[in-house]
Amino acid sequence: MAKLEQTLTGNFDEILQRIEEGILNGSVSASMEDSSDFWSGDARCSVRVFERYSYAGSNRVSLNVTLFQNGTDAIQLSAITSGGSQAVFFKINTWGEEAFLEKLREIL
């Protein structure tokens, strides 16, 4: 598992769209598995779950991206990857997870 947390400034919708398009166009095997959007008063939260095939790990890895903003405050991003290990009891070969998260870093 790999994790990235950042504080972003800008337009929430534009950042979300840039992430979606960047991930989906960044790999021929990338897909958006599901999404969810919440609003409460001035607060907003969007969750996106992406998946792609990892050639390095010969398996599929997922990327969960959460954006949160309260009113006009800065946007909080949390991104967590999973699924890149091939071992039964402990994690080995997490290159695919790191590579997926690196793609998001490039987009941001």
PDB file of N, CA and C in Angstrom:
ATOM      1  N   MET A   1       0.852  -1.167   0.000  1.00  0.00           N
ATOM      2  CA  MET A   1       0.000   0.000   0.000  1.00  0.00           C
ATOM      3  C   MET A   1       0.896   1.227   0.000  1.00  0.00           C
ATOM      4  N   ALA A   2       0.524   2.205  -0.786  1.00  0.00           N
ATOM      5  CA  ALA A   2       1.220   3.481  -0.842  1.00  0.00           C
ATOM      6  C   ALA A   2       0.182   4.578  -0.651  1.00  0.00           C
ATOM      7  N   LYS A   3       0.614   5.694  -0.040  1.00  0.00           N
ATOM      8  CA  LYS A   3      -0.340   6.762   0.260  1.00  0.00           C
ATOM      9  C   LYS A   3       0.273   8.116  -0.056  1.00  0.00           C
ATOM     10  N   LEU A   4      -0.580   9.015  -0.540  1.00  0.00           N
ATOM     11  CA  LEU A   4      -0.208  10.396  -0.819  1.00  0.00           C
ATOM     12  C   LEU A   4      -1.282  11.297  -0.225  1.00  0.00           C
ATOM     13  N   GLU A   5      -0.870  12.278   0.560  1.00  0.00           N
ATOM     14  CA  GLU A   5      -1.802  13.277   1.082  1.00  0.00           C
ATOM     15  C   GLU A   5      -1.242  14.649   0.771  1.00  0.00           C
ATOM     16  N   GLN A   6      -2.098  15.523   0.220  1.00  0.00           N
ATOM     17  CA  GLN A   6      -1.670  16.863  -0.170  1.00  0.00           C
ATOM     18  C   GLN A   6      -2.784  17.858   0.062  1.00  0.00           C
ATOM     19  N   THR A   7      -2.385  19.099   0.247  1.00  0.00           N
ATOM     20  CA  THR A   7      -3.315  20.219   0.278  1.00  0.00           C
ATOM     21  C   THR A   7      -3.173  20.939  -1.062  1.00  0.00           C
ATOM     22  N   LEU A   8      -4.296  21.140  -1.747  1.00  0.00           N
ATOM     23  CA  LEU A   8      -4.304  21.736  -3.080  1.00  0.00           C
ATOM     24  C   LEU A   8      -5.092  23.028  -3.084  1.00  0.00           C
ATOM     25  N   THR A   9      -4.754  23.900  -4.002  1.00  0.00           N
ATOM     26  CA  THR A   9      -5.547  25.106  -4.228  1.00  0.00           C
ATOM     27  C   THR A   9      -6.017  25.085  -5.671  1.00  0.00           C
ATOM     28  N   GLY A  10      -7.165  25.680  -5.907  1.00  0.00           N
ATOM     29  CA  GLY A  10      -7.711  25.719  -7.253  1.00  0.00           C
ATOM     30  C   GLY A  10      -9.176  25.385  -7.239  1.00  0.00           C
ATOM     31  N   ASN A  11      -9.706  25.153  -8.420  1.00  0.00           N
ATOM     32  CA  ASN A  11     -11.112  24.836  -8.589  1.00  0.00           C
ATOM     33  C   ASN A  11     -11.330  23.334  -8.379  1.00  0.00           C
ATOM     34  N   PHE A  12     -12.198  22.971  -7.447  1.00  0.00           N
ATOM     35  CA  PHE A  12     -12.457  21.577  -7.087  1.00  0.00           C
ATOM     36  C   PHE A  12     -12.811  20.756  -8.323  1.00  0.00           C
ATOM     37  N   ASP A  13     -13.772  21.232  -9.115  1.00  0.00           N
ATOM     38  CA  ASP A  13     -14.225  20.483 -10.297  1.00  0.00           C
ATOM     39  C   ASP A  13     -13.116  20.293 -11.319  1.00  0.00           C
ATOM     40  N   GLU A  14     -12.293  21.319 -11.519  1.00  0.00           N
ATOM     41  CA  GLU A  14     -11.203  21.225 -12.488  1.00  0.00           C
ATOM     42  C   GLU A  14     -10.141  20.235 -12.023  1.00  0.00           C
ATOM     43  N   ILE A  15      -9.824  20.249 -10.727  1.00  0.00           N
ATOM     44  CA  ILE A  15      -8.841  19.304 -10.200  1.00  0.00           C
ATOM     45  C   ILE A  15      -9.367  17.886 -10.321  1.00  0.00           C
ATOM     46  N   LEU A  16     -10.629  17.670  -9.968  1.00  0.00           N
ATOM     47  CA  LEU A  16     -11.228  16.342 -10.068  1.00  0.00           C
ATOM     48  C   LEU A  16     -11.222  15.855 -11.512  1.00  0.00           C
ATOM     49  N   GLN A  17     -11.583  16.706 -12.441  1.00  0.00           N
ATOM     50  CA  GLN A  17     -11.593  16.335 -13.857  1.00  0.00           C
ATOM     51  C   GLN A  17     -10.182  16.021 -14.356  1.00  0.00           C
ATOM     52  N   ARG A  18      -9.200  16.817 -13.935  1.00  0.00           N
ATOM     53  CA  ARG A  18      -7.809  16.583 -14.340  1.00  0.00           C
ATOM     54  C   ARG A  18      -7.327  15.216 -13.837  1.00  0.00           C
ATOM     55  N   ILE A  19      -7.696  14.883 -12.592  1.00  0.00           N
ATOM     56  CA  ILE A  19      -7.315  13.584 -12.035  1.00  0.00           C
ATOM     57  C   ILE A  19      -7.973  12.450 -12.820  1.00  0.00           C
ATOM     58  N   GLU A  20      -9.286  12.545 -13.022  1.00  0.00           N
ATOM     59  CA  GLU A  20     -10.007  11.494 -13.751  1.00  0.00           C
ATOM     60  C   GLU A  20      -9.420  11.278 -15.142  1.00  0.00           C
ATOM     61  N   GLU A  21      -9.280  12.344 -15.909  1.00  0.00           N
ATOM     62  CA  GLU A  21      -8.776  12.229 -17.275  1.00  0.00           C
ATOM     63  C   GLU A  21      -7.328  11.769 -17.304  1.00  0.00           C
ATOM     64  N   GLY A  22      -6.523  12.280 -16.378  1.00  0.00           N
ATOM     65  CA  GLY A  22      -5.115  11.914 -16.345  1.00  0.00           C
ATOM     66  C   GLY A  22      -4.900  10.446 -16.032  1.00  0.00           C
ATOM     67  N   ILE A  23      -5.655   9.914 -15.076  1.00  0.00           N
ATOM     68  CA  ILE A  23      -5.523   8.499 -14.728  1.00  0.00           C
ATOM     69  C   ILE A  23      -6.047   7.622 -15.861  1.00  0.00           C
ATOM     70  N   LEU A  24      -7.223   7.946 -16.371  1.00  0.00           N
ATOM     71  CA  LEU A  24      -7.827   7.112 -17.416  1.00  0.00           C
ATOM     72  C   LEU A  24      -7.051   7.166 -18.726  1.00  0.00           C
ATOM     73  N   ASN A  25      -6.449   8.302 -19.046  1.00  0.00           N
ATOM     74  CA  ASN A  25      -5.675   8.423 -20.280  1.00  0.00           C
ATOM     75  C   ASN A  25      -4.217   8.019 -20.088  1.00  0.00           C
ATOM     76  N   GLY A  26      -3.812   7.770 -18.839  1.00  0.00           N
ATOM     77  CA  GLY A  26      -2.424   7.458 -18.547  1.00  0.00           C
ATOM     78  C   GLY A  26      -2.059   5.992 -18.687  1.00  0.00           C
ATOM     79  N   SER A  27      -3.042   5.137 -18.872  1.00  0.00           N
ATOM     80  CA  SER A  27      -2.774   3.701 -19.001  1.00  0.00           C
ATOM     81  C   SER A  27      -3.887   3.078 -19.819  1.00  0.00           C
ATOM     82  N   VAL A  28      -3.519   2.218 -20.749  1.00  0.00           N
ATOM     83  CA  VAL A  28      -4.516   1.570 -21.599  1.00  0.00           C
ATOM     84  C   VAL A  28      -5.437   0.663 -20.787  1.00  0.00           C
ATOM     85  N   SER A  29      -4.969   0.178 -19.641  1.00  0.00           N
ATOM     86  CA  SER A  29      -5.784  -0.738 -18.834  1.00  0.00           C
ATOM     87  C   SER A  29      -6.513  -0.050 -17.680  1.00  0.00           C
ATOM     88  N   ALA A  30      -6.365   1.274 -17.550  1.00  0.00           N
ATOM     89  CA  ALA A  30      -6.989   1.992 -16.437  1.00  0.00           C
ATOM     90  C   ALA A  30      -8.497   2.118 -16.620  1.00  0.00           C
ATOM     91  N   SER A  31      -9.212   1.971 -15.518  1.00  0.00           N
ATOM     92  CA  SER A  31     -10.665   2.150 -15.528  1.00  0.00           C
ATOM     93  C   SER A  31     -11.092   2.786 -14.218  1.00  0.00           C
ATOM     94  N   MET A  32     -12.229   3.488 -14.263  1.00  0.00           N
ATOM     95  CA  MET A  32     -12.813   4.001 -13.036  1.00  0.00           C
ATOM     96  C   MET A  32     -13.843   2.970 -12.591  1.00  0.00           C
ATOM     97  N   GLU A  33     -13.597   2.357 -11.447  1.00  0.00           N
ATOM     98  CA  GLU A  33     -14.459   1.288 -10.967  1.00  0.00           C
ATOM     99  C   GLU A  33     -15.735   1.822 -10.320  1.00  0.00           C
ATOM    100  N   ASP A  34     -15.631   2.946  -9.629  1.00  0.00           N
ATOM    101  CA  ASP A  34     -16.819   3.545  -9.018  1.00  0.00           C
ATOM    102  C   ASP A  34     -16.490   4.958  -8.558  1.00  0.00           C
ATOM    103  N   SER A  35     -17.524   5.707  -8.239  1.00  0.00           N
ATOM    104  CA  SER A  35     -17.345   7.075  -7.760  1.00  0.00           C
ATOM    105  C   SER A  35     -18.474   7.427  -6.812  1.00  0.00           C
ATOM    106  N   SER A  36     -18.210   8.426  -5.977  1.00  0.00           N
ATOM    107  CA  SER A  36     -19.207   8.884  -5.030  1.00  0.00           C
ATOM    108  C   SER A  36     -18.957  10.353  -4.734  1.00  0.00           C
ATOM    109  N   ASP A  37     -20.030  11.116  -4.612  1.00  0.00           N
ATOM    110  CA  ASP A  37     -19.935  12.546  -4.330  1.00  0.00           C
ATOM    111  C   ASP A  37     -20.905  12.906  -3.214  1.00  0.00           C
ATOM    112  N   PHE A  38     -20.415  13.687  -2.249  1.00  0.00           N
ATOM    113  CA  PHE A  38     -21.230  14.109  -1.113  1.00  0.00           C
ATOM    114  C   PHE A  38     -21.136  15.611  -0.931  1.00  0.00           C
ATOM    115  N   TRP A  39     -22.220  16.226  -0.530  1.00  0.00           N
ATOM    116  CA  TRP A  39     -22.264  17.624  -0.153  1.00  0.00           C
ATOM    117  C   TRP A  39     -22.985  17.728   1.186  1.00  0.00           C
ATOM    118  N   SER A  40     -22.491  18.608   2.057  1.00  0.00           N
ATOM    119  CA  SER A  40     -23.166  18.923   3.312  1.00  0.00           C
ATOM    120  C   SER A  40     -22.893  20.383   3.611  1.00  0.00           C
ATOM    121  N   GLY A  41     -23.917  21.200   3.428  1.00  0.00           N
ATOM    122  CA  GLY A  41     -23.698  22.635   3.576  1.00  0.00           C
ATOM    123  C   GLY A  41     -22.694  23.108   2.549  1.00  0.00           C
ATOM    124  N   ASP A  42     -21.617  23.725   3.021  1.00  0.00           N
ATOM    125  CA  ASP A  42     -20.553  24.206   2.132  1.00  0.00           C
ATOM    126  C   ASP A  42     -19.447  23.172   1.928  1.00  0.00           C
ATOM    127  N   ALA A  43     -19.553  22.024   2.570  1.00  0.00           N
ATOM    128  CA  ALA A  43     -18.509  20.999   2.457  1.00  0.00           C
ATOM    129  C   ALA A  43     -18.825  20.047   1.300  1.00  0.00           C
ATOM    130  N   ARG A  44     -17.753  19.588   0.667  1.00  0.00           N
ATOM    131  CA  ARG A  44     -17.898  18.683  -0.477  1.00  0.00           C
ATOM    132  C   ARG A  44     -16.834  17.600  -0.408  1.00  0.00           C
ATOM    133  N   CYS A  45     -17.206  16.387  -0.758  1.00  0.00           N
ATOM    134  CA  CYS A  45     -16.280  15.261  -0.767  1.00  0.00           C
ATOM    135  C   CYS A  45     -16.553  14.415  -2.007  1.00  0.00           C
ATOM    136  N   SER A  46     -15.494  14.102  -2.752  1.00  0.00           N
ATOM    137  CA  SER A  46     -15.598  13.235  -3.922  1.00  0.00           C
ATOM    138  C   SER A  46     -14.611  12.090  -3.784  1.00  0.00           C
ATOM    139  N   VAL A  47     -15.082  10.885  -4.056  1.00  0.00           N
ATOM    140  CA  VAL A  47     -14.258   9.681  -3.971  1.00  0.00           C
ATOM    141  C   VAL A  47     -14.255   9.009  -5.335  1.00  0.00           C
ATOM    142  N   ARG A  48     -13.064   8.617  -5.801  1.00  0.00           N
ATOM    143  CA  ARG A  48     -12.927   7.905  -7.061  1.00  0.00           C
ATOM    144  C   ARG A  48     -12.063   6.672  -6.826  1.00  0.00           C
ATOM    145  N   VAL A  49     -12.487   5.548  -7.387  1.00  0.00           N
ATOM    146  CA  VAL A  49     -11.714   4.309  -7.287  1.00  0.00           C
ATOM    147  C   VAL A  49     -11.331   3.887  -8.702  1.00  0.00           C
ATOM    148  N   PHE A  50     -10.029   3.861  -8.949  1.00  0.00           N
ATOM    149  CA  PHE A  50      -9.487   3.480 -10.244  1.00  0.00           C
ATOM    150  C   PHE A  50      -8.780   2.134 -10.114  1.00  0.00           C
ATOM    151  N   GLU A  51      -8.645   1.446 -11.251  1.00  0.00           N
ATOM    152  CA  GLU A  51      -7.923   0.185 -11.275  1.00  0.00           C
ATOM    153  C   GLU A  51      -7.159   0.110 -12.581  1.00  0.00           C
ATOM    154  N   ARG A  52      -6.005  -0.553 -12.537  1.00  0.00           N
ATOM    155  CA  ARG A  52      -5.246  -0.792 -13.764  1.00  0.00           C
ATOM    156  C   ARG A  52      -4.379  -2.025 -13.597  1.00  0.00           C
ATOM    157  N   TYR A  53      -3.942  -2.553 -14.720  1.00  0.00           N
ATOM    158  CA  TYR A  53      -3.052  -3.711 -14.710  1.00  0.00           C
ATOM    159  C   TYR A  53      -1.624  -3.233 -14.495  1.00  0.00           C
ATOM    160  N   SER A  54      -0.895  -3.918 -13.635  1.00  0.00           N
ATOM    161  CA  SER A  54       0.506  -3.610 -13.377  1.00  0.00           C
ATOM    162  C   SER A  54       1.377  -4.660 -14.048  1.00  0.00           C
ATOM    163  N   TYR A  55       2.119  -4.248 -15.071  1.00  0.00           N
ATOM    164  CA  TYR A  55       3.018  -5.180 -15.737  1.00  0.00           C
ATOM    165  C   TYR A  55       4.143  -5.601 -14.802  1.00  0.00           C
ATOM    166  N   ALA A  56       4.598  -4.677 -13.955  1.00  0.00           N
ATOM    167  CA  ALA A  56       5.694  -4.982 -13.023  1.00  0.00           C
ATOM    168  C   ALA A  56       5.297  -6.084 -12.044  1.00  0.00           C
ATOM    169  N   GLY A  57       4.062  -6.055 -11.581  1.00  0.00           N
ATOM    170  CA  GLY A  57       3.612  -7.045 -10.606  1.00  0.00           C
ATOM    171  C   GLY A  57       2.780  -8.161 -11.197  1.00  0.00           C
ATOM    172  N   SER A  58       2.476  -8.072 -12.471  1.00  0.00           N
ATOM    173  CA  SER A  58       1.613  -9.047 -13.147  1.00  0.00           C
ATOM    174  C   SER A  58       0.278  -9.225 -12.420  1.00  0.00           C
ATOM    175  N   ASN A  59      -0.309  -8.116 -12.004  1.00  0.00           N
ATOM    176  CA  ASN A  59      -1.596  -8.146 -11.305  1.00  0.00           C
ATOM    177  C   ASN A  59      -2.290  -6.794 -11.476  1.00  0.00           C
ATOM    178  N   ARG A  60      -3.480  -6.667 -10.917  1.00  0.00           N
ATOM    179  CA  ARG A  60      -4.207  -5.404 -10.977  1.00  0.00           C
ATOM    180  C   ARG A  60      -4.032  -4.666  -9.664  1.00  0.00           C
ATOM    181  N   VAL A  61      -3.927  -3.343  -9.751  1.00  0.00           N
ATOM    182  CA  VAL A  61      -3.804  -2.508  -8.560  1.00  0.00           C
ATOM    183  C   VAL A  61      -4.917  -1.464  -8.588  1.00  0.00           C
ATOM    184  N   SER A  62      -5.324  -1.022  -7.418  1.00  0.00           N
ATOM    185  CA  SER A  62      -6.368  -0.002  -7.335  1.00  0.00           C
ATOM    186  C   SER A  62      -5.811   1.274  -6.720  1.00  0.00           C
ATOM    187  N   LEU A  63      -6.461   2.368  -7.044  1.00  0.00           N
ATOM    188  CA  LEU A  63      -6.118   3.686  -6.526  1.00  0.00           C
ATOM    189  C   LEU A  63      -7.409   4.347  -6.080  1.00  0.00           C
ATOM    190  N   ASN A  64      -7.483   4.681  -4.799  1.00  0.00           N
ATOM    191  CA  ASN A  64      -8.634   5.369  -4.230  1.00  0.00           C
ATOM    192  C   ASN A  64      -8.233   6.819  -4.021  1.00  0.00           C
ATOM    193  N   VAL A  65      -8.947   7.743  -4.645  1.00  0.00           N
ATOM    194  CA  VAL A  65      -8.657   9.172  -4.529  1.00  0.00           C
ATOM    195  C   VAL A  65      -9.838   9.861  -3.862  1.00  0.00           C
ATOM    196  N   THR A  66      -9.568  10.595  -2.786  1.00  0.00           N
ATOM    197  CA  THR A  66     -10.595  11.356  -2.082  1.00  0.00           C
ATOM    198  C   THR A  66     -10.213  12.823  -2.085  1.00  0.00           C
ATOM    199  N   LEU A  67     -11.128  13.669  -2.528  1.00  0.00           N
ATOM    200  CA  LEU A  67     -10.971  15.122  -2.443  1.00  0.00           C
ATOM    201  C   LEU A  67     -12.005  15.657  -1.475  1.00  0.00           C
ATOM    202  N   PHE A  68     -11.592  16.587  -0.601  1.00  0.00           N
ATOM    203  CA  PHE A  68     -12.502  17.194   0.363  1.00  0.00           C
ATOM    204  C   PHE A  68     -12.242  18.686   0.414  1.00  0.00           C
ATOM    205  N   GLN A  69     -13.329  19.461   0.440  1.00  0.00           N
ATOM    206  CA  GLN A  69     -13.212  20.911   0.583  1.00  0.00           C
ATOM    207  C   GLN A  69     -14.372  21.420   1.411  1.00  0.00           C
ATOM    208  N   ASN A  70     -14.068  22.278   2.354  1.00  0.00           N
ATOM    209  CA  ASN A  70     -15.079  22.926   3.182  1.00  0.00           C
ATOM    210  C   ASN A  70     -15.163  24.390   2.773  1.00  0.00           C
ATOM    211  N   GLY A  71     -16.241  24.756   2.115  1.00  0.00           N
ATOM    212  CA  GLY A  71     -16.408  26.134   1.657  1.00  0.00           C
ATOM    213  C   GLY A  71     -15.327  26.523   0.675  1.00  0.00           C
ATOM    214  N   THR A  72     -14.619  27.611   0.998  1.00  0.00           N
ATOM    215  CA  THR A  72     -13.535  28.072   0.132  1.00  0.00           C
ATOM    216  C   THR A  72     -12.164  27.707   0.685  1.00  0.00           C
ATOM    217  N   ASP A  73     -12.131  26.830   1.691  1.00  0.00           N
ATOM    218  CA  ASP A  73     -10.852  26.366   2.236  1.00  0.00           C
ATOM    219  C   ASP A  73     -10.076  25.614   1.167  1.00  0.00           C
ATOM    220  N   ALA A  74      -8.820  25.338   1.461  1.00  0.00           N
ATOM    221  CA  ALA A  74      -7.990  24.542   0.549  1.00  0.00           C
ATOM    222  C   ALA A  74      -8.605  23.149   0.377  1.00  0.00           C
ATOM    223  N   ILE A  75      -8.290  22.515  -0.715  1.00  0.00           N
ATOM    224  CA  ILE A  75      -8.783  21.172  -1.025  1.00  0.00           C
ATOM    225  C   ILE A  75      -7.808  20.158  -0.433  1.00  0.00           C
ATOM    226  N   GLN A  76      -8.348  19.188   0.278  1.00  0.00           N
ATOM    227  CA  GLN A  76      -7.538  18.115   0.852  1.00  0.00           C
ATOM    228  C   GLN A  76      -7.645  16.887  -0.050  1.00  0.00           C
ATOM    229  N   LEU A  77      -6.507  16.300  -0.375  1.00  0.00           N
ATOM    230  CA  LEU A  77      -6.461  15.105  -1.206  1.00  0.00           C
ATOM    231  C   LEU A  77      -5.839  13.968  -0.400  1.00  0.00           C
ATOM    232  N   SER A  78      -6.473  12.815  -0.470  1.00  0.00           N
ATOM    233  CA  SER A  78      -5.907  11.590   0.078  1.00  0.00           C
ATOM    234  C   SER A  78      -6.003  10.529  -1.008  1.00  0.00           C
ATOM    235  N   ALA A  79      -4.870   9.903  -1.335  1.00  0.00           N
ATOM    236  CA  ALA A  79      -4.835   8.866  -2.368  1.00  0.00           C
ATOM    237  C   ALA A  79      -4.129   7.646  -1.803  1.00  0.00           C
ATOM    238  N   ILE A  80      -4.767   6.485  -1.909  1.00  0.00           N
ATOM    239  CA  ILE A  80      -4.218   5.252  -1.365  1.00  0.00           C
ATOM    240  C   ILE A  80      -4.325   4.158  -2.422  1.00  0.00           C
ATOM    241  N   THR A  81      -3.221   3.457  -2.652  1.00  0.00           N
ATOM    242  CA  THR A  81      -3.204   2.342  -3.587  1.00  0.00           C
ATOM    243  C   THR A  81      -3.253   1.024  -2.819  1.00  0.00           C
ATOM    244  N   SER A  82      -3.701  -0.021  -3.494  1.00  0.00           N
ATOM    245  CA  SER A  82      -3.678  -1.353  -2.893  1.00  0.00           C
ATOM    246  C   SER A  82      -3.729  -2.402  -3.987  1.00  0.00           C
ATOM    247  N   GLY A  83      -3.434  -3.644  -3.597  1.00  0.00           N
ATOM    248  CA  GLY A  83      -3.566  -4.769  -4.504  1.00  0.00           C
ATOM    249  C   GLY A  83      -2.320  -5.146  -5.256  1.00  0.00           C
ATOM    250  N   GLY A  84      -1.197  -4.512  -4.978  1.00  0.00           N
ATOM    251  CA  GLY A  84      -0.002  -4.779  -5.759  1.00  0.00           C
ATOM    252  C   GLY A  84       0.868  -5.911  -5.276  1.00  0.00           C
ATOM    253  N   SER A  85       0.492  -6.578  -4.211  1.00  0.00           N
ATOM    254  CA  SER A  85       1.341  -7.631  -3.658  1.00  0.00           C
ATOM    255  C   SER A  85       0.948  -9.001  -4.199  1.00  0.00           C
ATOM    256  N   GLN A  86       1.933  -9.885  -4.278  1.00  0.00           N
ATOM    257  CA  GLN A  86       1.678 -11.243  -4.739  1.00  0.00           C
ATOM    258  C   GLN A  86       1.792 -12.261  -3.612  1.00  0.00           C
ATOM    259  N   ALA A  87       2.191 -11.836  -2.421  1.00  0.00           N
ATOM    260  CA  ALA A  87       2.399 -12.766  -1.317  1.00  0.00           C
ATOM    261  C   ALA A  87       1.089 -13.058  -0.593  1.00  0.00           C
ATOM    262  N   VAL A  88       1.071 -14.152   0.161  1.00  0.00           N
ATOM    263  CA  VAL A  88      -0.121 -14.555   0.886  1.00  0.00           C
ATOM    264  C   VAL A  88      -0.195 -13.880   2.255  1.00  0.00           C
ATOM    265  N   PHE A  89       0.928 -13.832   2.989  1.00  0.00           N
ATOM    266  CA  PHE A  89       0.896 -13.355   4.369  1.00  0.00           C
ATOM    267  C   PHE A  89       1.599 -12.021   4.590  1.00  0.00           C
ATOM    268  N   PHE A  90       2.359 -11.538   3.640  1.00  0.00           N
ATOM    269  CA  PHE A  90       3.039 -10.251   3.788  1.00  0.00           C
ATOM    270  C   PHE A  90       3.187  -9.624   2.414  1.00  0.00           C
ATOM    271  N   LYS A  91       3.479  -8.331   2.386  1.00  0.00           N
ATOM    272  CA  LYS A  91       3.519  -7.603   1.123  1.00  0.00           C
ATOM    273  C   LYS A  91       4.912  -7.643   0.515  1.00  0.00           C
ATOM    274  N   ILE A  92       4.970  -8.106  -0.705  1.00  0.00           N
ATOM    275  CA  ILE A  92       6.184  -8.014  -1.511  1.00  0.00           C
ATOM    276  C   ILE A  92       5.783  -7.499  -2.881  1.00  0.00           C
ATOM    277  N   ASN A  93       6.740  -6.969  -3.601  1.00  0.00           N
ATOM    278  CA  ASN A  93       6.508  -6.524  -4.971  1.00  0.00           C
ATOM    279  C   ASN A  93       5.371  -5.505  -5.046  1.00  0.00           C
ATOM    280  N   THR A  94       5.564  -4.364  -4.431  1.00  0.00           N
ATOM    281  CA  THR A  94       4.560  -3.293  -4.460  1.00  0.00           C
ATOM    282  C   THR A  94       4.902  -2.228  -5.502  1.00  0.00           C
ATOM    283  N   TRP A  95       5.719  -2.579  -6.495  1.00  0.00           N
ATOM    284  CA  TRP A  95       6.110  -1.617  -7.528  1.00  0.00           C
ATOM    285  C   TRP A  95       4.910  -1.050  -8.271  1.00  0.00           C
ATOM    286  N   GLY A  96       3.928  -1.888  -8.555  1.00  0.00           N
ATOM    287  CA  GLY A  96       2.750  -1.432  -9.285  1.00  0.00           C
ATOM    288  C   GLY A  96       1.977  -0.379  -8.527  1.00  0.00           C
ATOM    289  N   GLU A  97       1.877  -0.533  -7.204  1.00  0.00           N
ATOM    290  CA  GLU A  97       1.185   0.461  -6.383  1.00  0.00           C
ATOM    291  C   GLU A  97       1.924   1.792  -6.420  1.00  0.00           C
ATOM    292  N   GLU A  98       3.244   1.738  -6.261  1.00  0.00           N
ATOM    293  CA  GLU A  98       4.051   2.963  -6.280  1.00  0.00           C
ATOM    294  C   GLU A  98       3.959   3.651  -7.644  1.00  0.00           C
ATOM    295  N   ALA A  99       3.974   2.880  -8.716  1.00  0.00           N
ATOM    296  CA  ALA A  99       3.897   3.450 -10.064  1.00  0.00           C
ATOM    297  C   ALA A  99       2.546   4.121 -10.302  1.00  0.00           C
ATOM    298  N   PHE A 100       1.474   3.516  -9.786  1.00  0.00           N
ATOM    299  CA  PHE A 100       0.136   4.097  -9.944  1.00  0.00           C
ATOM    300  C   PHE A 100       0.057   5.431  -9.199  1.00  0.00           C
ATOM    301  N   LEU A 101       0.617   5.474  -8.005  1.00  0.00           N
ATOM    302  CA  LEU A 101       0.604   6.696  -7.221  1.00  0.00           C
ATOM    303  C   LEU A 101       1.505   7.754  -7.855  1.00  0.00           C
ATOM    304  N   GLU A 102       2.598   7.327  -8.469  1.00  0.00           N
ATOM    305  CA  GLU A 102       3.482   8.268  -9.141  1.00  0.00           C
ATOM    306  C   GLU A 102       2.761   8.941 -10.309  1.00  0.00           C
ATOM    307  N   LYS A 103       1.905   8.206 -11.014  1.00  0.00           N
ATOM    308  CA  LYS A 103       1.121   8.802 -12.096  1.00  0.00           C
ATOM    309  C   LYS A 103       0.250   9.931 -11.568  1.00  0.00           C
ATOM    310  N   LEU A 104      -0.374   9.731 -10.402  1.00  0.00           N
ATOM    311  CA  LEU A 104      -1.180  10.789  -9.805  1.00  0.00           C
ATOM    312  C   LEU A 104      -0.315  11.989  -9.435  1.00  0.00           C
ATOM    313  N   ARG A 105       0.878  11.748  -8.903  1.00  0.00           N
ATOM    314  CA  ARG A 105       1.784  12.857  -8.573  1.00  0.00           C
ATOM    315  C   ARG A 105       2.089  13.701  -9.813  1.00  0.00           C
ATOM    316  N   GLU A 106       2.310  13.027 -10.948  1.00  0.00           N
ATOM    317  CA  GLU A 106       2.586  13.739 -12.211  1.00  0.00           C
ATOM    318  C   GLU A 106       1.388  14.588 -12.610  1.00  0.00           C
ATOM    319  N   ILE A 107       0.190  14.086 -12.436  1.00  0.00           N
ATOM    320  CA  ILE A 107      -1.019  14.817 -12.807  1.00  0.00           C
ATOM    321  C   ILE A 107      -1.193  16.062 -11.948  1.00  0.00           C
ATOM    322  N   LEU A 108      -0.909  15.919 -10.657  1.00  0.00           N
ATOM    323  CA  LEU A 108      -1.065  17.044  -9.736  1.00  0.00           C
ATOM    324  C   LEU A 108       0.007  18.096  -9.962  1.00  0.00           C
TER     325      LEU A 108
END
